[in-house]
């Protein structure tokens, strides 16, 4: 039996990774562990890392790290090998293995007592390299410089839907990705894992250019794309690819299997759980500024540090310190801000 461990470089996860390895071998000493180091993706290194993944004879891939690590592991999967997320994060849509259930979870995996939920992916073909790239949640198009508008024409199945649309960007989301970046940009929640894609113009100047839901097998083309700066196509917030005047996006032929211990978890229940489990009693002893920022993120949704400073009126240093405390406690998380790589988005975990 072979299991691949895709392990983050974050030192906070060293203990978890070591415990995973020891526990797996304690349960089944004959298990062969293949360790692969997680690396942030770029157009220069993705192929090298992908080649480290065995193409077959793997029972599963365990992604040890945060949500970004899990999404990068998914990115490298080119076969039907299932993936499972192991994290120290208390709440995550993908996490199934935590320090609290580690032994029971690994025993379930090694004795085949788990489910595999299949999720669709979407893909684009790089016109220059002819390489196909896949995304689990969304593919987004934005100018590489912030505060720049882009122009484009949106074509669905050879029919022009929006012509000469001017907007901050464009997001094409799967049903699974509908509760993430797509939701924060005004898209709907796709309940029940329907066979759809969601196309979301981000802050369009023409308010008639609304989000649209299309069948999953639709051929989506974004043509006549231009901006006053270069444009980038971002996959799951992990890989940025330069683009030119036209992009084609479609359903990938390769779905991804995610290991679950409860099959097809109710999406609404999980969304509710993400809020209910945010117990302010966990923040006892933290400065009032940290509680204030936590409540703001909980009620208003994700924000950048700059937006938090403007909304709260607190000094820069106070906001930075509060964010550091909340991240250390696992109450909030951060991810890259797609429209400005110099900033991060903070949100309730």
Protein backbone atom coordinates (compact mmCIF):
# COMPACT_ATOMS: atom_id res chain seq x y z
CA UNK A 1 0.00 0.00 0.00
CA UNK A 2 1.38 3.40 -1.03
CA UNK A 3 0.26 6.75 0.38
CA UNK A 4 1.61 10.11 -0.75
CA UNK A 5 2.03 12.89 1.80
CA UNK A 6 2.00 16.35 0.25
CA UNK A 7 3.45 18.40 3.09
CA UNK A 8 3.51 22.17 3.53
CA UNK A 9 6.74 23.98 4.30
CA UNK A 10 4.98 25.86 7.11
CA UNK A 11 6.83 24.98 10.33
CA UNK A 12 3.53 25.01 12.25
CA UNK A 13 2.68 21.70 10.57
CA UNK A 14 5.92 19.80 11.32
CA UNK A 15 4.48 18.07 14.37
CA UNK A 16 1.28 17.10 12.57
CA UNK A 17 3.20 15.65 9.61
CA UNK A 18 5.52 13.64 11.88
CA UNK A 19 2.59 12.29 13.90
CA UNK A 20 0.81 11.28 10.70
CA UNK A 21 3.81 9.32 9.48
CA UNK A 22 4.36 7.55 12.80
CA UNK A 23 0.68 6.71 13.20
CA UNK A 24 0.29 5.31 9.69
CA UNK A 25 3.30 3.02 10.17
CA UNK A 26 2.08 2.00 13.63
CA UNK A 27 -1.29 0.93 12.21
CA UNK A 28 0.20 -0.70 9.10
CA UNK A 29 4.01 -1.08 9.12
CA UNK A 30 4.01 -2.26 5.50
CA UNK A 31 2.66 1.04 4.19
CA UNK A 32 5.03 2.83 1.82
CA UNK A 33 5.02 6.60 2.38
CA UNK A 34 6.00 8.95 -0.42
CA UNK A 35 6.77 12.46 0.81
CA UNK A 36 6.37 15.43 -1.55
CA UNK A 37 7.19 18.99 -0.50
CA UNK A 38 4.46 21.55 -1.08
CA UNK A 39 5.62 24.53 -3.13
CA UNK A 40 3.79 27.66 -4.17
CA UNK A 41 2.92 27.28 -7.82
CA UNK A 42 4.42 29.18 -10.70
CA UNK A 43 4.59 28.59 -14.43
CA UNK A 44 8.23 27.61 -13.91
CA UNK A 45 7.91 24.95 -11.21
CA UNK A 46 4.47 23.31 -11.49
CA UNK A 47 5.59 20.58 -13.92
CA UNK A 48 8.57 19.59 -11.80
CA UNK A 49 6.35 19.11 -8.74
CA UNK A 50 3.65 17.31 -10.73
CA UNK A 51 6.18 14.77 -11.94
CA UNK A 52 6.88 13.77 -8.32
CA UNK A 53 3.33 12.42 -7.97
CA UNK A 54 3.02 8.72 -8.88
CA UNK A 55 0.44 8.30 -11.60
CA UNK A 56 -1.02 5.08 -10.20
CA UNK A 57 -0.80 2.47 -7.42
CA UNK A 58 -1.49 5.13 -4.79
CA UNK A 59 -4.20 4.55 -2.22
CA UNK A 60 -4.58 8.27 -1.61
CA UNK A 61 -2.81 11.59 -1.24
CA UNK A 62 -2.88 13.26 2.17
CA UNK A 63 -2.39 17.03 1.89
CA UNK A 64 -0.85 18.24 5.16
CA UNK A 65 -1.30 21.99 5.49
CA UNK A 66 -3.80 24.78 5.04
CA UNK A 67 -6.42 25.16 2.33
CA UNK A 68 -3.80 26.42 -0.12
CA UNK A 69 -1.77 23.23 0.32
CA UNK A 70 -4.87 21.13 -0.33
CA UNK A 71 -5.74 23.08 -3.50
CA UNK A 72 -2.16 22.73 -4.78
CA UNK A 73 -2.31 18.98 -4.18
CA UNK A 74 -5.57 18.87 -6.14
CA UNK A 75 -3.92 20.85 -8.93
CA UNK A 76 -1.28 18.15 -9.42
CA UNK A 77 -3.75 15.25 -9.55
CA UNK A 78 -4.09 13.92 -13.09
CA UNK A 79 -5.79 10.61 -12.31
CA UNK A 80 -8.49 9.14 -10.07
CA UNK A 81 -6.32 9.04 -6.94
CA UNK A 82 -8.40 10.44 -4.02
CA UNK A 83 -7.13 13.34 -1.89
CA UNK A 84 -7.75 14.04 1.80
CA UNK A 85 -6.94 17.20 3.77
CA UNK A 86 -5.09 17.08 7.11
CA UNK A 87 -4.83 20.37 8.94
CA UNK A 88 -4.51 22.05 12.31
CA UNK A 89 -7.28 24.43 11.23
CA UNK A 90 -10.37 23.99 13.35
CA UNK A 91 -12.85 24.74 10.60
CA UNK A 92 -12.40 24.17 6.89
CA UNK A 93 -14.70 22.86 4.22
CA UNK A 94 -12.09 20.32 3.10
CA UNK A 95 -10.38 19.25 6.34
CA UNK A 96 -11.11 15.68 7.46
CA UNK A 97 -8.02 14.89 9.55
CA UNK A 98 -7.18 17.04 12.58
CA UNK A 99 -5.02 16.45 15.67
CA UNK A 100 -8.21 15.54 17.55
CA UNK A 101 -9.29 12.67 15.28
CA UNK A 102 -5.96 11.72 13.73
CA UNK A 103 -5.73 8.07 14.84
CA UNK A 104 -9.37 7.24 14.07
CA UNK A 105 -9.18 8.98 10.68
CA UNK A 106 -6.02 7.18 9.59
CA UNK A 107 -7.35 3.85 10.76
CA UNK A 108 -10.48 4.46 8.69
CA UNK A 109 -8.37 5.26 5.62
CA UNK A 110 -6.15 2.19 6.00
CA UNK A 111 -9.18 -0.08 6.45
CA UNK A 112 -11.23 1.45 3.61
CA UNK A 113 -13.92 2.90 5.88
CA UNK A 114 -14.47 6.18 4.08
CA UNK A 115 -16.40 7.73 1.20
CA UNK A 116 -15.11 9.48 -1.89
CA UNK A 117 -17.06 12.52 -3.08
CA UNK A 118 -16.42 13.32 -6.73
CA UNK A 119 -16.23 16.98 -7.75
CA UNK A 120 -16.06 18.49 -11.21
CA UNK A 121 -13.19 20.71 -12.25
CA UNK A 122 -12.84 23.30 -14.97
CA UNK A 123 -9.87 23.77 -17.26
CA UNK A 124 -8.16 26.12 -19.65
CA UNK A 125 -5.62 25.40 -22.33
CA UNK A 126 -2.62 27.71 -22.45
CA UNK A 127 -2.45 28.79 -26.14
CA UNK A 128 1.33 29.24 -25.93
CA UNK A 129 2.50 26.08 -24.17
CA UNK A 130 -0.54 23.98 -25.21
CA UNK A 131 -0.70 22.76 -21.59
CA UNK A 132 -4.08 22.21 -19.93
CA UNK A 133 -4.54 23.56 -16.38
CA UNK A 134 -7.41 22.59 -14.07
CA UNK A 135 -9.11 24.32 -11.15
CA UNK A 136 -11.42 22.94 -8.46
CA UNK A 137 -13.09 26.17 -7.28
CA UNK A 138 -12.69 28.91 -9.85
CA UNK A 139 -10.72 30.48 -12.65
CA UNK A 140 -10.47 34.25 -12.39
CA UNK A 141 -9.23 36.89 -14.82
CA UNK A 142 -7.89 40.21 -13.55
CA UNK A 143 -5.49 42.92 -14.68
CA UNK A 144 -2.11 42.44 -13.01
CA UNK A 145 -2.19 46.03 -11.77
CA UNK A 146 -4.82 46.95 -9.20
CA UNK A 147 -7.46 49.62 -9.86
CA UNK A 148 -7.45 48.80 -13.58
CA UNK A 149 -10.54 47.91 -15.57
CA UNK A 150 -10.56 45.19 -18.19
CA UNK A 151 -12.70 44.99 -21.32
CA UNK A 152 -13.99 41.69 -22.69
CA UNK A 153 -16.78 39.99 -24.56
CA UNK A 154 -18.39 36.92 -23.00
CA UNK A 155 -19.45 34.11 -25.34
CA UNK A 156 -21.44 31.06 -24.16
CA UNK A 157 -21.79 28.17 -26.63
CA UNK A 158 -20.98 30.51 -29.53
CA UNK A 159 -23.65 33.03 -28.47
CA UNK A 160 -22.50 36.47 -27.34
CA UNK A 161 -23.93 37.15 -23.88
CA UNK A 162 -22.15 40.36 -22.84
CA UNK A 163 -20.38 42.49 -25.42
CA UNK A 164 -17.68 45.01 -24.52
CA UNK A 165 -18.11 44.48 -20.79
CA UNK A 166 -15.98 46.73 -18.59
CA UNK A 167 -15.32 45.35 -15.12
CA UNK A 168 -12.66 44.82 -12.47
CA UNK A 169 -12.45 41.18 -13.52
CA UNK A 170 -14.31 37.98 -14.28
CA UNK A 171 -14.75 34.75 -12.29
CA UNK A 172 -15.84 31.37 -13.65
CA UNK A 173 -16.76 29.15 -10.71
CA UNK A 174 -17.75 25.53 -10.20
CA UNK A 175 -20.67 24.64 -7.95
CA UNK A 176 -18.20 23.76 -5.20
CA UNK A 177 -16.43 27.10 -5.57
CA UNK A 178 -19.70 29.03 -5.29
CA UNK A 179 -19.26 29.48 -1.51
CA UNK A 180 -15.78 30.96 -1.81
CA UNK A 181 -14.39 33.85 -3.82
CA UNK A 182 -17.36 33.72 -6.19
CA UNK A 183 -19.81 34.32 -3.33
CA UNK A 184 -17.88 37.33 -2.05
CA UNK A 185 -18.03 38.79 -5.56
CA UNK A 186 -21.82 38.62 -5.75
CA UNK A 187 -22.40 35.11 -7.06
CA UNK A 188 -25.11 32.72 -5.82
CA UNK A 189 -24.64 29.64 -3.64
CA UNK A 190 -25.03 26.46 -5.70
CA UNK A 191 -26.84 24.16 -3.29
CA UNK A 192 -26.76 20.37 -3.76
CA UNK A 193 -23.72 20.20 -6.08
CA UNK A 194 -25.64 20.86 -9.33
CA UNK A 195 -24.08 20.34 -12.75
CA UNK A 196 -23.48 24.02 -13.45
CA UNK A 197 -20.88 26.73 -13.87
CA UNK A 198 -21.29 30.28 -12.58
CA UNK A 199 -19.94 33.26 -14.51
CA UNK A 200 -19.53 36.41 -12.42
CA UNK A 201 -18.47 39.83 -13.77
CA UNK A 202 -16.66 41.55 -10.88
CA UNK A 203 -17.93 45.10 -10.31
CA UNK A 204 -19.10 45.68 -13.91
CA UNK A 205 -19.78 49.26 -14.94
CA UNK A 206 -22.95 48.11 -16.70
CA UNK A 207 -25.18 46.72 -13.93
CA UNK A 208 -27.10 44.67 -16.51
CA UNK A 209 -24.04 42.45 -16.75
CA UNK A 210 -25.15 40.20 -13.89
CA UNK A 211 -23.84 36.79 -12.77
CA UNK A 212 -25.14 33.98 -14.95
CA UNK A 213 -25.53 30.24 -14.33
CA UNK A 214 -24.88 27.91 -17.28
CA UNK A 215 -24.87 24.12 -17.78
CA UNK A 216 -21.56 22.54 -16.82
CA UNK A 217 -20.86 21.36 -20.37
CA UNK A 218 -21.10 24.89 -21.75
CA UNK A 219 -18.19 26.22 -23.79
CA UNK A 220 -17.21 29.55 -22.26
CA UNK A 221 -15.08 31.96 -24.24
CA UNK A 222 -13.80 35.34 -23.15
CA UNK A 223 -12.67 37.20 -26.25
CA UNK A 224 -11.34 40.66 -27.09
CA UNK A 225 -9.79 40.80 -23.61
CA UNK A 226 -7.76 43.94 -23.00
CA UNK A 227 -6.65 46.30 -20.24
CA UNK A 228 -4.14 49.08 -19.70
CA UNK A 229 -1.89 46.57 -17.98
CA UNK A 230 -1.08 42.93 -18.58
CA UNK A 231 -3.72 40.40 -17.64
CA UNK A 232 -3.46 37.30 -15.51
CA UNK A 233 -5.57 34.19 -15.20
CA UNK A 234 -5.64 32.83 -11.63
CA UNK A 235 -6.52 29.21 -10.85
CA UNK A 236 -7.94 28.58 -7.36
CA UNK A 237 -5.90 31.54 -6.11
CA UNK A 238 -2.76 29.39 -6.47
CA UNK A 239 -1.34 29.80 -9.97
CA UNK A 240 -1.25 32.89 -12.17
CA UNK A 241 -0.90 32.47 -15.94
CA UNK A 242 -0.40 35.39 -18.35
CA UNK A 243 -3.10 35.62 -21.02
CA UNK A 244 -3.63 37.43 -24.27
CA UNK A 245 -6.85 38.32 -26.11
CA UNK A 246 -8.87 35.12 -25.77
CA UNK A 247 -9.53 32.47 -23.13
CA UNK A 248 -11.57 29.26 -23.43
CA UNK A 249 -12.87 27.51 -20.31
CA UNK A 250 -14.74 24.25 -20.10
CA UNK A 251 -15.48 21.32 -17.82
CA UNK A 252 -12.45 19.10 -17.25
CA UNK A 253 -12.69 15.44 -18.23
CA UNK A 254 -10.89 14.53 -15.00
CA UNK A 255 -12.90 15.01 -11.83
CA UNK A 256 -11.28 14.85 -8.41
CA UNK A 257 -12.16 12.50 -5.57
CA UNK A 258 -12.09 14.00 -2.07
CA UNK A 259 -12.05 11.62 0.89
CA UNK A 260 -14.87 12.13 3.38
CA UNK A 261 -15.90 10.23 6.48
CA UNK A 262 -19.50 11.32 5.92
CA UNK A 263 -20.69 11.18 2.34
CA UNK A 264 -22.15 14.24 0.60
CA UNK A 265 -22.25 16.54 3.59
CA UNK A 266 -25.09 19.02 3.56
CA UNK A 267 -23.72 22.30 2.23
CA UNK A 268 -26.12 24.53 4.14
CA UNK A 269 -25.36 22.67 7.38
CA UNK A 270 -21.64 23.16 6.86
CA UNK A 271 -22.09 26.85 6.13
CA UNK A 272 -24.16 27.22 9.29
CA UNK A 273 -21.55 25.30 11.26
CA UNK A 274 -18.84 27.71 10.15
CA UNK A 275 -20.75 30.49 11.89
CA UNK A 276 -22.13 28.63 14.90
CA UNK A 277 -18.72 27.29 15.88
CA UNK A 278 -17.32 30.81 16.06
CA UNK A 279 -17.71 31.10 19.83
CA UNK A 280 -16.50 34.41 21.16
CA UNK A 281 -15.63 32.69 24.41
CA UNK A 282 -12.58 31.36 22.58
CA UNK A 283 -11.39 34.96 22.45
CA UNK A 284 -11.39 35.49 26.20
CA UNK A 285 -8.34 37.43 27.24
CA UNK A 286 -7.61 38.96 23.84
CA UNK A 287 -7.56 42.75 23.40
CA UNK A 288 -10.89 44.47 22.62
CA UNK A 289 -9.50 45.49 19.24
CA UNK A 290 -9.13 41.81 18.25
CA UNK A 291 -12.72 41.05 19.30
CA UNK A 292 -13.92 44.11 17.37
CA UNK A 293 -12.15 43.03 14.18
CA UNK A 294 -13.37 39.44 14.58
CA UNK A 295 -16.99 40.59 14.91
CA UNK A 296 -16.57 42.86 11.88
CA UNK A 297 -15.25 40.03 9.72
CA UNK A 298 -18.02 37.75 10.98
CA UNK A 299 -20.81 40.19 10.13
CA UNK A 300 -19.43 42.05 7.11
CA UNK A 301 -17.44 39.27 5.44
CA UNK A 302 -13.85 39.16 4.20
CA UNK A 303 -11.79 42.35 4.11
CA UNK A 304 -8.25 43.51 3.44
CA UNK A 305 -6.12 45.05 6.18
CA UNK A 306 -6.58 48.44 4.54
CA UNK A 307 -10.37 48.03 4.57
CA UNK A 308 -10.29 46.99 8.24
CA UNK A 309 -8.28 50.09 9.13
CA UNK A 310 -10.74 52.31 7.25
CA UNK A 311 -13.81 50.59 8.77
CA UNK A 312 -12.61 50.52 12.37
CA UNK A 313 -10.63 53.76 12.53
CA UNK A 314 -7.97 51.87 14.50
CA UNK A 315 -4.25 52.60 14.02
CA UNK A 316 -2.35 50.43 11.52
CA UNK A 317 -0.25 48.82 14.24
CA UNK A 318 -3.32 47.94 16.33
CA UNK A 319 -5.03 46.26 13.37
CA UNK A 320 -1.89 44.30 12.46
CA UNK A 321 -1.49 43.11 16.05
CA UNK A 322 -5.18 42.10 16.27
CA UNK A 323 -4.95 40.13 13.01
CA UNK A 324 -1.84 38.35 14.26
CA UNK A 325 -3.61 37.33 17.49
CA UNK A 326 -6.71 36.10 15.66
CA UNK A 327 -4.64 34.07 13.18
CA UNK A 328 -2.63 32.51 15.99
CA UNK A 329 -5.86 31.42 17.68
CA UNK A 330 -7.18 29.98 14.43
CA UNK A 331 -10.18 32.31 14.45
CA UNK A 332 -9.38 33.88 11.08
CA UNK A 333 -7.46 32.98 7.95
CA UNK A 334 -5.90 34.88 5.11
CA UNK A 335 -5.41 34.34 1.41
CA UNK A 336 -3.96 36.27 -1.48
CA UNK A 337 -5.97 39.21 -2.82
CA UNK A 338 -6.37 38.39 -6.51
CA UNK A 339 -6.65 42.02 -7.61
CA UNK A 340 -3.51 43.15 -5.75
CA UNK A 341 -0.79 40.64 -4.90
CA UNK A 342 0.64 43.06 -2.30
CA UNK A 343 -2.45 42.64 -0.11
CA UNK A 344 -4.18 39.76 1.65
CA UNK A 345 -7.83 39.02 2.32
CA UNK A 346 -8.79 38.16 5.94
CA UNK A 347 -11.87 36.11 6.75
CA UNK A 348 -13.43 34.08 9.55
CA UNK A 349 -12.05 30.54 9.33
